[in-house]
Protein backbone atom coordinates (compact mmCIF):
# COMPACT_ATOMS: atom_id res chain seq x y z
CA MET A 1 79.63 77.79 125.65
CA LEU A 2 82.97 78.70 124.85
CA ILE A 3 84.62 81.40 125.56
CA PHE A 4 87.49 83.03 124.06
CA CYS A 5 88.40 86.40 125.40
CA ILE A 6 88.56 88.04 122.02
CA GLY A 7 88.32 91.50 123.55
CA TYR A 8 92.03 91.24 124.38
CA GLY A 9 95.20 89.63 123.26
CA PRO A 10 96.22 88.53 119.77
CA PRO A 11 93.70 88.68 116.91
CA PRO A 12 91.55 85.59 116.30
CA PRO A 13 92.69 83.02 113.76
CA GLN A 14 92.40 83.97 110.12
CA SER A 15 92.84 80.37 109.00
CA THR A 16 91.65 77.05 110.26
CA ALA A 17 95.09 75.75 111.09
CA SER A 18 94.93 73.41 114.04
CA PRO A 19 96.54 74.39 117.34
CA GLY A 20 98.44 71.11 117.30
CA SER A 21 99.42 69.18 120.36
CA GLY A 22 103.18 69.62 120.11
CA LYS A 23 103.34 73.39 120.11
CA PRO A 24 104.43 75.39 123.15
CA ARG A 25 101.78 76.70 125.52
CA VAL A 26 102.10 80.29 124.27
CA PRO A 27 100.78 81.07 121.72
CA ARG A 28 97.87 78.72 122.29
CA GLY A 29 95.42 77.07 119.89
CA PRO A 30 92.16 78.98 119.64
CA PRO A 31 92.62 82.62 120.63
CA GLY A 32 92.82 83.27 124.33
CA ALA A 33 93.13 86.12 126.74
CA ALA A 34 96.53 87.68 127.10
CA THR A 35 97.20 89.97 130.03
CA PRO A 36 94.19 92.28 129.79
CA GLN A 37 94.56 95.96 129.08
CA GLN A 38 91.39 97.83 129.64
CA THR A 39 89.83 99.83 126.89
CA ALA A 40 89.01 103.26 128.24
CA GLN A 41 87.31 104.54 125.13
CA SER A 42 83.56 104.96 125.44
CA VAL A 43 81.11 104.94 122.58
CA TYR A 44 78.12 105.95 124.60
CA PRO A 45 76.10 108.78 123.08
CA ALA A 46 75.91 112.19 124.61
CA SER A 47 72.67 113.33 126.17
CA PRO A 48 70.34 115.11 123.75
CA ARG A 49 70.79 118.88 123.79
CA SER A 50 67.86 121.02 124.82
CA HIS A 51 66.77 123.79 122.48
CA VAL A 52 66.62 127.29 123.99
CA PRO A 53 63.88 129.40 122.39
CA THR A 54 64.91 132.81 121.03
CA PRO A 55 62.74 135.95 120.48
CA PRO A 56 61.37 136.46 116.96
CA PRO A 57 63.06 139.05 114.68
CA GLY A 58 61.95 142.62 115.27
CA HIS A 59 60.78 141.99 118.79
CA ARG A 60 61.34 144.99 121.10
CA PRO A 61 60.69 145.27 124.80
CA PRO A 62 57.76 147.56 125.76
CA PRO A 63 58.71 151.11 126.80
CA PHE A 64 59.06 151.80 130.50
CA PRO A 65 56.95 152.48 132.47
CA GLN A 66 54.11 150.29 131.30
CA GLN A 67 51.74 147.89 132.92
CA GLN A 68 53.59 144.65 133.54
CA LEU A 69 51.96 141.88 131.58
CA PRO A 70 52.39 138.19 132.31
CA PRO A 71 55.37 136.80 130.43
CA ALA A 72 54.51 135.22 127.13
CA PRO A 73 55.02 131.48 126.94
CA PRO A 74 58.25 130.44 125.22
CA LEU A 75 58.09 129.51 121.59
CA GLN A 76 57.54 125.81 121.07
CA GLN A 77 60.45 124.65 119.00
CA GLN A 78 59.83 121.29 117.39
CA PRO A 79 62.71 118.84 117.27
CA PRO A 80 63.90 118.06 113.77
CA HIS A 81 62.34 115.02 112.18
CA HIS A 82 64.79 112.23 111.39
CA PRO A 83 63.39 109.40 109.32
CA ILE A 84 64.57 106.06 110.68
CA PRO A 85 66.96 104.42 108.22
CA ASP A 86 66.25 100.86 107.17
CA VAL A 87 69.21 98.97 108.63
CA GLY A 88 67.56 95.57 108.77
CA ASN A 89 68.80 93.65 111.81
CA ALA A 90 71.93 95.80 112.21
CA LEU A 91 70.32 97.94 114.91
CA ALA A 92 73.72 99.09 116.21
CA ASP A 93 73.98 101.17 113.01
CA LEU A 94 71.15 103.42 114.19
CA ASN A 95 71.97 106.68 115.97
CA ILE A 96 70.19 106.43 119.29
CA ASP A 97 69.92 110.24 119.57
CA ASP A 98 67.81 110.31 116.41
CA LEU A 99 65.34 107.65 117.54
CA PRO A 100 61.88 108.44 118.96
CA PRO A 101 61.44 107.43 122.63
CA GLN A 102 59.37 104.36 121.81
CA PHE A 103 62.32 102.76 120.02
CA LYS A 104 64.99 103.17 122.70
CA LYS A 105 65.77 102.97 126.37
CA ILE A 106 68.71 104.62 128.12
CA GLY A 107 69.47 103.10 131.49
CA GLU A 108 69.69 105.26 134.58
CA VAL A 109 73.06 104.69 136.26
CA ALA A 110 75.06 106.44 138.96
CA ARG A 111 78.31 106.30 137.01
CA ALA A 112 78.93 106.92 133.32
CA ASP A 113 81.13 103.84 133.33
CA ASP A 114 78.02 101.72 133.93
CA ALA A 115 75.98 103.24 131.10
CA TRP A 116 73.79 100.99 128.97
CA TRP A 117 71.04 101.38 126.42
CA VAL A 118 68.66 99.41 124.24
CA ILE A 119 67.49 99.96 120.67
CA TYR A 120 64.21 98.26 119.77
CA ASN A 121 63.67 97.21 116.19
CA PRO A 122 61.33 99.79 114.62
CA ALA A 123 60.27 97.28 111.96
CA VAL A 124 58.75 94.65 114.26
CA GLU A 125 56.23 94.51 117.08
CA ARG A 126 57.92 95.07 120.43
CA LYS A 127 57.53 92.01 122.63
CA LEU A 128 60.48 92.29 125.01
CA ASP A 129 61.92 94.85 127.38
CA VAL A 130 65.24 94.94 129.22
CA ASP A 131 66.35 96.29 132.59
CA LEU A 132 69.60 95.96 134.49
CA VAL A 133 69.44 93.97 137.74
CA HIS A 134 73.06 93.66 138.91
CA THR A 135 76.54 94.66 137.80
CA ILE A 136 79.31 92.43 139.16
CA THR A 137 82.84 93.73 138.69
CA HIS A 138 85.75 91.29 138.53
CA ALA A 139 89.52 91.70 138.66
CA SER A 140 89.95 90.40 135.10
CA VAL A 141 88.14 89.47 131.91
CA VAL A 142 84.92 87.52 132.50
CA CYS A 143 85.25 84.57 130.15
CA CYS A 144 82.02 82.77 130.99
CA VAL A 145 78.70 83.06 132.84
CA ARG A 146 76.22 80.30 133.68
CA PHE A 147 73.04 79.99 135.74
CA SER A 148 72.26 77.12 138.06
CA GLN A 149 69.32 74.97 137.00
CA ASP A 150 67.08 76.44 139.71
CA GLY A 151 67.98 79.97 138.59
CA ARG A 152 69.10 81.05 142.09
CA PHE A 153 72.81 81.37 141.40
CA ILE A 154 75.15 82.42 138.65
CA ALA A 155 78.76 81.31 138.17
CA THR A 156 81.48 83.27 136.41
CA GLY A 157 84.97 82.34 135.26
CA CYS A 158 87.92 84.72 135.11
CA ASN A 159 91.65 84.65 135.74
CA ARG A 160 92.52 81.84 138.20
CA ALA A 161 89.11 81.56 139.81
CA ALA A 162 85.42 80.89 139.46
CA GLN A 163 82.86 82.77 141.51
CA ILE A 164 79.26 82.04 142.44
CA TYR A 165 76.78 84.85 143.09
CA ASP A 166 73.29 85.00 144.53
CA VAL A 167 71.04 86.17 141.70
CA GLU A 168 68.59 87.97 143.98
CA THR A 169 71.15 89.98 145.97
CA GLY A 170 74.19 89.98 143.69
CA ALA A 171 76.35 88.89 146.65
CA CYS A 172 79.29 86.54 146.14
CA VAL A 173 78.63 83.25 147.95
CA ALA A 174 81.68 81.27 146.80
CA HIS A 175 85.17 81.96 145.47
CA LEU A 176 86.71 78.80 143.99
CA GLU A 177 90.46 78.88 143.34
CA ASP A 178 92.87 75.97 143.30
CA SER A 179 95.72 76.86 145.68
CA GLU A 180 97.87 74.15 144.12
CA ALA A 181 97.62 75.46 140.55
CA ASP A 182 100.71 76.84 138.86
CA LYS A 183 101.18 80.43 140.04
CA GLU A 184 103.14 81.56 137.00
CA GLY A 185 101.31 83.69 134.43
CA ASP A 186 97.60 83.82 133.71
CA LEU A 187 95.27 80.87 134.18
CA TYR A 188 91.87 81.74 132.77
CA VAL A 189 88.80 79.69 133.63
CA ARG A 190 87.20 79.38 130.21
CA SER A 191 84.02 77.51 131.06
CA VAL A 192 81.79 76.83 134.06
CA CYS A 193 78.66 74.72 134.49
CA PHE A 194 76.53 73.63 137.45
CA SER A 195 75.41 70.08 138.08
CA PRO A 196 71.61 69.82 137.73
CA ASP A 197 71.16 69.50 141.49
CA GLY A 198 73.30 72.59 142.12
CA LYS A 199 75.76 70.78 144.41
CA TYR A 200 78.75 70.93 142.09
CA LEU A 201 80.39 73.37 139.71
CA ALA A 202 82.64 72.12 136.91
CA THR A 203 85.36 74.44 135.63
CA GLY A 204 87.62 74.13 132.59
CA ALA A 205 90.82 76.11 132.37
CA GLU A 206 93.97 76.77 130.40
CA ASP A 207 95.97 74.22 132.40
CA LYS A 208 94.07 71.36 130.66
CA ILE A 209 92.35 70.27 133.89
CA ILE A 210 88.62 69.92 134.56
CA ARG A 211 87.87 70.54 138.22
CA VAL A 212 84.56 69.61 139.81
CA TRP A 213 83.97 71.64 142.97
CA ASP A 214 81.76 70.76 145.91
CA ILE A 215 80.12 74.15 146.34
CA ALA A 216 79.16 73.71 150.00
CA SER A 217 82.68 72.81 151.12
CA LYS A 218 84.47 74.81 148.39
CA GLU A 219 86.72 71.80 147.84
CA ILE A 220 87.55 69.85 144.69
CA LYS A 221 85.48 66.67 144.42
CA ALA A 222 87.12 65.38 141.25
CA GLU A 223 89.72 66.28 138.64
CA PHE A 224 89.73 65.06 135.07
CA ARG A 225 93.01 65.03 133.16
CA GLY A 226 93.59 63.89 129.62
CA HIS A 227 93.19 66.92 127.39
CA GLU A 228 96.46 68.06 125.84
CA GLN A 229 95.54 71.71 125.36
CA ASP A 230 93.38 74.39 126.94
CA ILE A 231 89.80 73.46 127.79
CA TYR A 232 87.37 75.89 126.22
CA SER A 233 83.92 74.51 126.89
CA LEU A 234 82.00 72.27 129.31
CA ASP A 235 78.45 71.03 129.66
CA PHE A 236 76.79 68.92 132.36
CA ALA A 237 74.27 66.23 131.35
CA ARG A 238 70.85 66.41 132.97
CA ASN A 239 71.49 63.10 134.70
CA GLY A 240 74.17 64.82 136.79
CA ARG A 241 76.71 62.15 135.95
CA ILE A 242 78.22 62.97 132.54
CA ILE A 243 80.32 66.04 131.68
CA ALA A 244 81.21 66.94 128.09
CA SER A 245 84.38 68.92 127.35
CA GLY A 246 85.96 70.49 124.29
CA SER A 247 89.61 71.43 123.86
CA GLY A 248 92.12 72.91 121.47
CA ASP A 249 93.61 69.41 121.24
CA ARG A 250 90.93 68.57 118.64
CA THR A 251 88.88 66.33 120.90
CA VAL A 252 85.48 66.18 122.56
CA ARG A 253 85.47 64.01 125.67
CA LEU A 254 82.76 62.61 127.89
CA TRP A 255 83.58 62.06 131.58
CA ASP A 256 81.79 60.01 134.24
CA LEU A 257 81.61 61.80 137.57
CA GLU A 258 80.73 58.64 139.50
CA THR A 259 83.59 56.49 138.22
CA LYS A 260 85.88 59.49 137.60
CA SER A 261 86.77 58.11 134.19
CA ASN A 262 86.92 59.17 130.54
CA LEU A 263 83.97 57.44 128.88
CA MET A 264 84.44 58.61 125.31
CA THR A 265 86.89 60.56 123.16
CA LEU A 266 85.73 61.99 119.83
CA SER A 267 88.51 63.30 117.59
CA ILE A 268 88.17 65.81 114.77
CA GLU A 269 90.53 67.61 112.37
CA ASP A 270 90.83 70.94 114.16
CA GLY A 271 90.54 72.65 117.54
CA VAL A 272 87.23 72.30 119.39
CA THR A 273 85.88 75.63 120.56
CA THR A 274 82.49 74.78 122.04
CA VAL A 275 80.39 71.79 123.16
CA ALA A 276 76.78 71.25 124.21
CA LEU A 277 74.64 68.31 125.32
CA SER A 278 70.99 67.94 124.38
CA GLN A 279 68.56 67.94 127.29
CA ASP A 280 67.97 64.21 127.04
CA GLY A 281 71.73 63.61 126.93
CA ARG A 282 71.49 61.58 123.74
CA LEU A 283 73.41 64.06 121.55
CA VAL A 284 76.63 66.01 121.94
CA ALA A 285 77.46 68.85 119.53
CA ALA A 286 80.76 70.62 118.93
CA GLY A 287 81.87 73.68 117.00
CA SER A 288 85.35 73.95 115.60
CA LEU A 289 87.96 76.19 114.07
CA ASP A 290 87.36 74.36 110.78
CA ARG A 291 83.96 76.13 110.41
CA SER A 292 81.90 73.03 111.04
CA VAL A 293 79.34 71.84 113.58
CA ARG A 294 79.39 68.13 114.39
CA VAL A 295 76.81 66.06 116.25
CA TRP A 296 77.32 62.57 117.73
CA ASP A 297 75.21 59.95 119.48
CA THR A 298 76.52 59.82 123.07
CA GLU A 299 75.45 56.20 123.52
CA THR A 300 77.33 54.85 120.52
CA SER A 301 79.86 57.63 119.69
CA LEU A 302 78.62 57.38 116.09
CA PRO A 303 78.33 60.60 114.04
CA ILE A 304 74.86 61.98 113.33
CA ASP A 305 75.48 65.26 111.48
CA ARG A 306 78.31 67.31 110.09
CA LEU A 307 76.97 70.78 109.31
CA GLU A 308 79.29 72.77 107.08
CA GLY A 309 80.08 74.05 103.62
CA PRO A 310 78.16 76.01 100.98
CA ARG A 311 75.91 73.08 100.15
CA GLU A 312 74.46 73.14 103.66
CA ASN A 313 74.68 76.96 103.83
CA GLY A 314 77.35 76.53 106.50
CA HIS A 315 79.50 79.02 108.32
CA LEU A 316 82.34 80.80 106.52
CA ASP A 317 84.61 81.05 109.56
CA SER A 318 85.31 79.34 112.88
CA VAL A 319 82.32 78.33 115.02
CA TYR A 320 82.65 79.62 118.59
CA SER A 321 79.36 78.64 120.23
CA VAL A 322 76.63 76.01 119.92
CA SER A 323 73.41 75.47 121.85
CA PHE A 324 70.57 72.94 121.55
CA SER A 325 66.91 73.89 121.42
CA PRO A 326 64.81 72.63 124.34
CA ASN A 327 63.40 69.77 122.25
CA GLY A 328 66.82 68.74 120.95
CA ARG A 329 65.73 68.78 117.31
CA GLN A 330 67.37 72.10 116.46
CA LEU A 331 70.74 73.64 117.17
CA VAL A 332 72.01 77.21 116.96
CA SER A 333 75.61 78.17 116.26
CA GLY A 334 77.55 81.43 116.36
CA SER A 335 80.62 82.14 114.26
CA LEU A 336 83.44 84.53 113.51
CA ASP A 337 81.65 85.11 110.19
CA ARG A 338 79.33 87.38 112.24
CA THR A 339 76.27 85.18 111.74
CA ILE A 340 74.11 82.87 113.81
CA LYS A 341 72.62 79.81 112.17
CA MET A 342 69.76 77.56 113.19
CA TRP A 343 70.02 73.95 112.10
CA GLU A 344 67.39 71.25 111.83
CA LEU A 345 69.13 68.04 112.87
CA SER A 346 68.85 64.60 111.34
CA PRO A 347 66.51 62.15 113.05
CA LEU A 348 68.34 59.80 115.36
CA PRO A 349 69.07 56.53 113.51
CA PRO A 350 68.21 53.19 115.11
CA ARG A 351 70.49 52.33 117.98
CA GLY A 352 73.82 51.07 116.73
CA ALA A 353 73.48 52.70 113.31
CA SER A 354 75.11 55.89 112.01
CA ASN A 355 74.46 58.27 109.18
CA PRO A 356 76.79 57.71 106.19
CA ALA A 357 80.08 59.55 106.70
CA GLY A 358 78.43 61.44 109.54
CA LYS A 359 76.76 63.82 107.11
CA GLY A 360 73.13 63.02 107.84
CA THR A 361 70.30 65.18 106.58
CA GLY A 362 70.79 68.14 108.92
CA ARG A 363 70.30 71.48 107.24
CA CYS A 364 70.43 75.19 107.94
CA ILE A 365 66.88 76.51 108.29
CA ARG A 366 67.71 80.11 109.16
CA THR A 367 70.63 82.53 109.17
CA PHE A 368 70.57 85.53 111.50
CA GLU A 369 72.61 88.50 110.30
CA GLY A 370 72.97 91.84 112.08
CA HIS A 371 76.03 91.78 114.33
CA ASN A 372 78.92 93.97 113.19
CA ASP A 373 81.66 91.67 114.49
CA PHE A 374 82.38 88.10 115.62
CA VAL A 375 79.54 86.21 117.30
CA LEU A 376 81.10 84.71 120.43
CA SER A 377 78.18 83.18 122.32
CA VAL A 378 74.67 81.97 121.51
CA ALA A 379 71.84 80.40 123.50
CA LEU A 380 68.12 79.71 123.32
CA THR A 381 65.71 80.81 126.02
CA PRO A 382 64.24 77.86 127.96
CA ASP A 383 60.94 78.10 126.09
CA GLY A 384 62.74 78.21 122.73
CA ALA A 385 61.03 81.50 121.86
CA TRP A 386 64.20 83.58 121.44
CA VAL A 387 67.78 83.17 120.31
CA LEU A 388 70.23 85.20 122.38
CA SER A 389 73.66 86.24 121.07
CA GLY A 390 76.73 88.12 122.31
CA SER A 391 79.36 89.63 120.04
CA LYS A 392 82.72 91.31 119.79
CA ASP A 393 80.74 94.38 118.68
CA ARG A 394 79.89 94.71 122.43
CA GLY A 395 76.21 94.09 121.78
CA VAL A 396 73.61 91.51 122.77
CA GLN A 397 70.70 90.74 120.45
CA PHE A 398 67.48 88.80 120.82
CA TRP A 399 66.26 87.08 117.65
CA ASP A 400 62.91 85.61 116.69
CA PRO A 401 63.68 82.10 115.41
CA GLN A 402 60.44 82.03 113.40
CA THR A 403 61.14 85.13 111.35
CA GLY A 404 64.88 85.76 111.71
CA HIS A 405 64.19 89.34 112.82
CA THR A 406 66.05 90.82 115.76
CA GLN A 407 63.83 92.16 118.53
CA LEU A 408 66.38 94.44 120.19
CA HIS A 409 70.03 95.38 120.49
CA LEU A 410 71.42 95.83 124.00
CA GLN A 411 74.63 97.81 124.45
CA GLY A 412 75.60 97.08 128.03
CA HIS A 413 79.35 96.52 127.96
CA LYS A 414 82.47 98.41 126.94
CA ASN A 415 84.18 95.41 125.42
CA SER A 416 83.38 92.11 123.74
CA VAL A 417 80.40 90.19 125.10
CA ILE A 418 82.12 86.84 125.47
CA SER A 419 79.35 84.88 127.13
CA VAL A 420 75.55 84.97 127.36
CA SER A 421 73.36 82.74 129.51
CA PRO A 422 69.56 82.73 129.92
CA SER A 423 68.16 81.59 133.25
CA PRO A 424 66.62 78.10 133.02
CA LYS A 425 63.66 79.52 134.95
CA GLY A 426 63.10 82.30 132.42
CA GLY A 427 62.84 86.04 132.94
CA LEU A 428 66.57 86.73 133.44
CA PHE A 429 69.75 86.48 131.44
CA ALA A 430 73.42 87.18 132.16
CA THR A 431 76.35 88.53 130.15
CA GLY A 432 80.10 88.35 130.67
CA SER A 433 82.55 90.68 129.00
CA GLY A 434 86.12 91.70 128.38
CA ASP A 435 85.36 94.88 130.33
CA THR A 436 85.70 92.78 133.55
CA LYS A 437 81.98 92.94 134.27
CA ALA A 438 79.25 90.35 134.51
CA ARG A 439 75.73 91.70 134.39
CA ILE A 440 72.36 90.20 135.21
CA TRP A 441 69.37 91.52 133.27
CA ARG A 442 65.65 91.02 133.30
């Protein structure tokens, strides 16, 4: 899950030029967070105005004195009828004030700064609901959020540190910051992921170092060095031993936590923005600035699929997030072209064999369109029933992978939603944003 803080700093790349390994640290490869400047503007709708009934024309008060009659009931003024426009999946285009109550929810909050609301798709059967559980405010942009495998904790990454919070209480239980890291300038933690047993947290940062923290002692268990540019994405294998990483240096690397070594380096033509491992650990996928999604066999390092181009109905701009389905046979990707795509992957070839030129037979089986800006993060719920996406348009959407229809649009942040993460246990999801907030929802 990658996570570029597009809510701030320089605009995202308009070309697929590679970051290159010989360029100075600033500007970096894929877009990153500059010193944040908060956006104070709010787009939240005003509360609906109440209509005050007025007396009918010609009405005169009775002459005095006269028997006092009970006051007449006020005139019942009907609200104007607004037909709901057909906006397809672009639910953010609907005016929430014009929607009937059954198609919206406005959260009750103590402060206007915490306001949130949901628009439910009027064109489909409502199957989901959303409520806010916790709001966790940070000192800087929240670049990434991730649940532990048991669903009890959530980790976040921001400037210089990663934090771990108790999901039930919202309390911070660990603050992980390397006291020996360079103190000059910003040092954003771009990616976090728990080991399957919950003992360790891996963090990837702009200083090109992967740190694996022992959560109980809050000390670094291992460091992996070798990437030549910022690390944008990490994923832990289910065996608890292998960590996958993606960097602006155009490589995907696999690391062995037991031997503390680099097992495999996979090079491509442009900066790697996101990586993911399938649940069985057999496949690793990567998205890139060159608009492609690549899939390799982790046992052989041989290519399985390269998903790109008009022939495969590929993305038209950089891919910023990839996520495997629970069964490992499908993959979803989110892109700066504002779309999410679901791919059916090629069958795994016999061990030791590869698909010709790494192209395989993988194909796009569905394109989800409805976000009004870059799609920065995607994930599938643990049962595979919903695709979850976060966007620079500040919204979160749930999509039905069978139909391609969006179920709802959640507006819960005041800046880009950089990271989304469903709980592996189901029932909860988390969001991280350029507005310095992480939020847990049910």
